[in-house]
């Protein structure tokens, strides 16, 4: 997962793939970011200002985030700078609300494409 996100973000905000991947791995090692058996919200703080982004990964086979959550199917990777902390917290709250919906996992896995997932 870290490498996939690193490749996706390579060059964005002046940060190369290796740095993205390293930050994600370091964050994952410092704390479990899975918040349910279905979802995880790994996140990193970036240097600079006015940056906030989100990458969503659908993992039908599941990714092991911990012994407690060995098959996470929805990953919401959030990244941003310290000056965007309020929006970061609002994003975390919105994601938490989204994944609490009764049919979230079924809809997440069965959605045919990215547009359907976002809707």
Protein backbone atom coordinates (compact mmCIF):
# COMPACT_ATOMS: atom_id res chain seq x y z
CA UNK A 1 0.00 0.00 0.00
CA UNK A 2 2.75 2.48 0.92
CA UNK A 3 4.58 1.90 -2.35
CA UNK A 4 1.35 2.24 -4.35
CA UNK A 5 0.55 5.57 -2.72
CA UNK A 6 4.17 6.70 -3.10
CA UNK A 7 4.02 5.98 -6.84
CA UNK A 8 0.69 7.77 -7.16
CA UNK A 9 1.98 10.89 -5.42
CA UNK A 10 5.50 10.86 -6.90
CA UNK A 11 6.51 14.44 -7.68
CA UNK A 12 3.45 16.04 -6.15
CA UNK A 13 4.24 18.94 -3.83
CA UNK A 14 7.93 18.52 -4.75
CA UNK A 15 8.15 15.18 -2.93
CA UNK A 16 9.55 12.06 -4.58
CA UNK A 17 8.15 8.53 -4.42
CA UNK A 18 10.76 7.32 -1.93
CA UNK A 19 9.99 10.08 0.57
CA UNK A 20 6.24 9.50 0.34
CA UNK A 21 6.73 5.76 0.84
CA UNK A 22 9.11 6.26 3.77
CA UNK A 23 6.75 8.68 5.54
CA UNK A 24 3.82 6.32 5.12
CA UNK A 25 5.80 3.34 6.43
CA UNK A 26 7.14 5.32 9.38
CA UNK A 27 3.63 6.47 10.27
CA UNK A 28 2.30 2.92 10.01
CA UNK A 29 5.06 1.63 12.27
CA UNK A 30 4.45 4.32 14.89
CA UNK A 31 0.71 3.65 15.27
CA UNK A 32 -2.04 1.44 13.88
CA UNK A 33 -4.22 3.66 11.68
CA UNK A 34 -6.99 1.12 11.13
CA UNK A 35 -10.15 2.35 12.80
CA UNK A 36 -12.39 -0.65 12.09
CA UNK A 37 -12.09 -4.13 10.60
CA UNK A 38 -12.97 -2.55 7.25
CA UNK A 39 -11.18 0.80 7.15
CA UNK A 40 -7.91 2.57 7.87
CA UNK A 41 -6.96 6.23 7.70
CA UNK A 42 -3.18 6.48 7.47
CA UNK A 43 -2.04 10.09 7.44
CA UNK A 44 1.14 12.13 7.36
CA UNK A 45 2.07 15.72 8.06
CA UNK A 46 4.00 17.43 5.28
CA UNK A 47 6.38 20.37 5.35
CA UNK A 48 5.12 23.58 3.79
CA UNK A 49 1.75 25.29 3.69
CA UNK A 50 -1.69 25.01 2.12
CA UNK A 51 -1.58 21.31 1.29
CA UNK A 52 -4.35 18.83 2.01
CA UNK A 53 -5.06 15.72 0.00
CA UNK A 54 -6.80 12.38 0.08
CA UNK A 55 -6.21 9.15 -1.79
CA UNK A 56 -8.74 6.33 -1.52
CA UNK A 57 -7.72 2.72 -2.06
CA UNK A 58 -10.15 -0.13 -2.55
CA UNK A 59 -8.57 -3.41 -1.47
CA UNK A 60 -11.10 -6.23 -2.08
CA UNK A 61 -8.72 -8.92 -0.76
CA UNK A 62 -7.88 -6.83 2.30
CA UNK A 63 -4.62 -5.40 3.63
CA UNK A 64 -3.28 -6.36 7.05
CA UNK A 65 -2.89 -3.29 9.24
CA UNK A 66 -2.63 -5.16 12.52
CA UNK A 67 -3.52 -8.44 14.19
CA UNK A 68 -6.76 -6.81 15.25
CA UNK A 69 -7.58 -5.69 11.67
CA UNK A 70 -5.98 -8.18 9.24
CA UNK A 71 -8.18 -7.48 6.20
CA UNK A 72 -8.84 -3.75 5.78
CA UNK A 73 -10.66 -3.14 2.50
CA UNK A 74 -10.93 0.65 2.48
CA UNK A 75 -7.89 2.87 2.91
CA UNK A 76 -8.25 6.65 3.08
CA UNK A 77 -4.76 8.16 2.97
CA UNK A 78 -4.82 11.75 4.18
CA UNK A 79 -1.88 14.11 3.92
CA UNK A 80 -1.45 17.76 4.67
CA UNK A 81 0.48 20.57 6.26
CA UNK A 82 0.05 21.81 9.83
CA UNK A 83 -1.78 24.94 8.74
CA UNK A 84 -4.55 22.69 7.35
CA UNK A 85 -5.10 20.87 10.65
CA UNK A 86 -8.73 22.00 11.00
CA UNK A 87 -9.64 20.68 7.54
CA UNK A 88 -7.68 17.51 8.31
CA UNK A 89 -9.78 16.92 11.44
CA UNK A 90 -13.00 17.67 9.56
CA UNK A 91 -11.94 15.17 6.88
CA UNK A 92 -11.25 12.50 9.51
CA UNK A 93 -14.70 13.08 10.99
CA UNK A 94 -16.39 12.85 7.58
CA UNK A 95 -14.57 9.61 6.76
CA UNK A 96 -15.48 8.14 10.15
CA UNK A 97 -19.12 9.02 9.53
CA UNK A 98 -19.01 7.49 6.05
CA UNK A 99 -17.59 4.18 7.18
CA UNK A 100 -20.15 3.91 9.98
CA UNK A 101 -22.99 3.52 7.46
CA UNK A 102 -24.58 0.07 7.64
CA UNK A 103 -23.84 -1.01 4.07
CA UNK A 104 -20.50 0.77 3.70
CA UNK A 105 -18.33 -2.33 3.20
CA UNK A 106 -20.73 -3.97 0.74
CA UNK A 107 -21.14 -0.76 -1.27
CA UNK A 108 -17.39 -0.06 -1.17
CA UNK A 109 -16.49 -3.48 -2.54
CA UNK A 110 -19.32 -3.71 -5.08
CA UNK A 111 -19.07 -0.21 -6.59
CA UNK A 112 -18.05 -0.55 -10.25
CA UNK A 113 -15.72 2.45 -10.37
CA UNK A 114 -14.10 5.39 -8.62
CA UNK A 115 -16.95 7.79 -9.39
CA UNK A 116 -19.45 5.40 -7.83
CA UNK A 117 -17.29 5.05 -4.71
CA UNK A 118 -17.01 8.83 -4.33
CA UNK A 119 -20.79 9.19 -4.62
